[in-house]
Amino acid sequence: MIAGMYEQDFLAYIILGLILNFLFSILFGLYLSKNIGIEEMITCKGDKNQEWWMPLSLIIPYFKMLIVLYRVAILQLYFLNRGYSHKEFWIYLTSDQESNETH
């Protein structure tokens, strides 16, 4: 037993987590590209590097799904509810906050 589950159940949860991870990531990417446009996303993208903990999403299946849901919550609660656009969210998401504060 692993974490109180049989190995088959544990593996099924891992596979479900990976499927949900890719599903939510793809759907969120499609949603942003529909509202911003792919060309616009490429031209207004910042120079932010991936965080050190992002590769952990391949090891921990639900981790990236939670990150995507967190980003969706930020988009809805902070940006869209305050009248900001999807493009402003994309620039926020792809820009280093430290470099924005120094300029």
Protein backbone atom coordinates (compact mmCIF):
# COMPACT_ATOMS: atom_id res chain seq x y z
CA MET A 1 0.00 0.00 0.00
CA ILE A 2 1.11 3.53 -0.80
CA ALA A 3 -0.43 6.45 1.12
CA GLY A 4 -3.23 4.20 2.32
CA MET A 5 -4.16 3.06 -1.21
CA TYR A 6 -3.44 0.00 -3.23
CA GLU A 7 -0.82 0.47 -5.92
CA GLN A 8 -3.40 0.26 -8.71
CA ASP A 9 -5.50 3.02 -7.15
CA PHE A 10 -2.44 5.18 -6.51
CA LEU A 11 -1.32 4.79 -10.13
CA ALA A 12 -4.83 5.60 -11.34
CA TYR A 13 -4.78 8.86 -9.33
CA ILE A 14 -1.38 9.74 -10.77
CA ILE A 15 -2.61 9.14 -14.33
CA LEU A 16 -5.79 11.13 -13.64
CA GLY A 17 -3.67 13.97 -12.27
CA LEU A 18 -1.49 14.01 -15.38
CA ILE A 19 -4.52 14.01 -17.66
CA LEU A 20 -6.15 16.85 -15.70
CA ASN A 21 -2.84 18.73 -15.68
CA PHE A 22 -2.58 18.70 -19.46
CA LEU A 23 -6.30 19.26 -19.96
CA PHE A 24 -6.45 22.36 -17.75
CA SER A 25 -3.20 23.72 -19.19
CA ILE A 26 -4.36 23.28 -22.77
CA LEU A 27 -7.81 24.74 -22.09
CA PHE A 28 -6.31 27.74 -20.27
CA GLY A 29 -3.88 28.32 -23.13
CA LEU A 30 -6.70 28.12 -25.67
CA TYR A 31 -8.81 30.49 -23.60
CA LEU A 32 -6.03 33.08 -23.43
CA SER A 33 -5.15 32.75 -27.12
CA LYS A 34 -8.83 33.17 -28.05
CA ASN A 35 -9.14 36.37 -26.02
CA ILE A 36 -5.73 37.86 -26.82
CA GLY A 37 -4.66 36.30 -30.12
CA ILE A 38 -1.58 34.18 -30.66
CA GLU A 39 0.36 36.87 -32.55
CA GLU A 40 -0.39 39.41 -29.82
CA MET A 41 0.70 36.93 -27.13
CA ILE A 42 4.02 36.39 -28.90
CA THR A 43 4.74 40.09 -29.47
CA CYS A 44 3.78 41.39 -26.00
CA LYS A 45 5.33 38.53 -24.02
CA GLY A 46 7.74 39.42 -21.24
CA ASP A 47 11.12 37.81 -20.57
CA LYS A 48 10.26 35.93 -17.39
CA ASN A 49 12.01 32.60 -16.83
CA GLN A 50 10.14 29.62 -15.43
CA GLU A 51 10.23 29.29 -11.66
CA TRP A 52 12.44 26.61 -10.13
CA TRP A 53 9.42 24.67 -8.87
CA MET A 54 7.68 24.34 -12.24
CA PRO A 55 9.49 21.09 -13.20
CA LEU A 56 8.02 19.57 -10.05
CA SER A 57 4.69 19.54 -11.85
CA LEU A 58 5.85 16.47 -13.74
CA ILE A 59 6.71 14.71 -10.49
CA ILE A 60 3.64 15.77 -8.54
CA PRO A 61 0.71 15.38 -10.95
CA TYR A 62 -1.76 17.73 -9.26
CA PHE A 63 0.75 20.51 -8.64
CA LYS A 64 0.54 22.13 -12.07
CA MET A 65 -3.22 21.75 -12.14
CA LEU A 66 -3.38 23.75 -8.90
CA ILE A 67 -1.04 26.36 -10.39
CA VAL A 68 -3.29 26.72 -13.44
CA LEU A 69 -6.38 27.03 -11.25
CA TYR A 70 -4.54 29.65 -9.15
CA ARG A 71 -3.78 31.61 -12.33
CA VAL A 72 -7.42 31.36 -13.41
CA ALA A 73 -8.46 32.73 -10.02
CA ILE A 74 -6.01 35.64 -10.36
CA LEU A 75 -7.31 36.33 -13.87
CA GLN A 76 -10.92 36.37 -12.73
CA LEU A 77 -10.66 37.99 -9.30
CA TYR A 78 -7.91 40.52 -9.84
CA PHE A 79 -7.93 41.37 -13.53
CA LEU A 80 -11.33 40.82 -15.08
CA ASN A 81 -13.37 41.90 -12.06
CA ARG A 82 -11.38 45.15 -11.88
CA GLY A 83 -11.81 45.98 -15.55
CA TYR A 84 -8.37 44.92 -16.78
CA SER A 85 -8.02 43.00 -20.04
CA HIS A 86 -6.77 39.53 -20.86
CA LYS A 87 -3.74 41.16 -22.51
CA GLU A 88 -2.78 42.93 -19.28
CA PHE A 89 -3.03 39.59 -17.48
CA TRP A 90 -0.76 37.98 -20.08
CA ILE A 91 1.83 40.74 -19.67
CA TYR A 92 1.64 40.35 -15.86
CA LEU A 93 2.03 36.58 -16.18
CA THR A 94 5.07 36.74 -18.48
CA SER A 95 6.95 39.67 -16.94
CA ASP A 96 9.36 39.69 -14.03
CA GLN A 97 7.88 41.74 -11.22
CA GLU A 98 11.32 42.92 -10.05
CA SER A 99 12.20 44.36 -13.48
CA ASN A 100 8.83 46.15 -13.66
CA GLU A 101 9.38 47.83 -10.28
CA THR A 102 12.81 49.20 -11.23
CA HIS A 103 11.65 50.85 -14.47
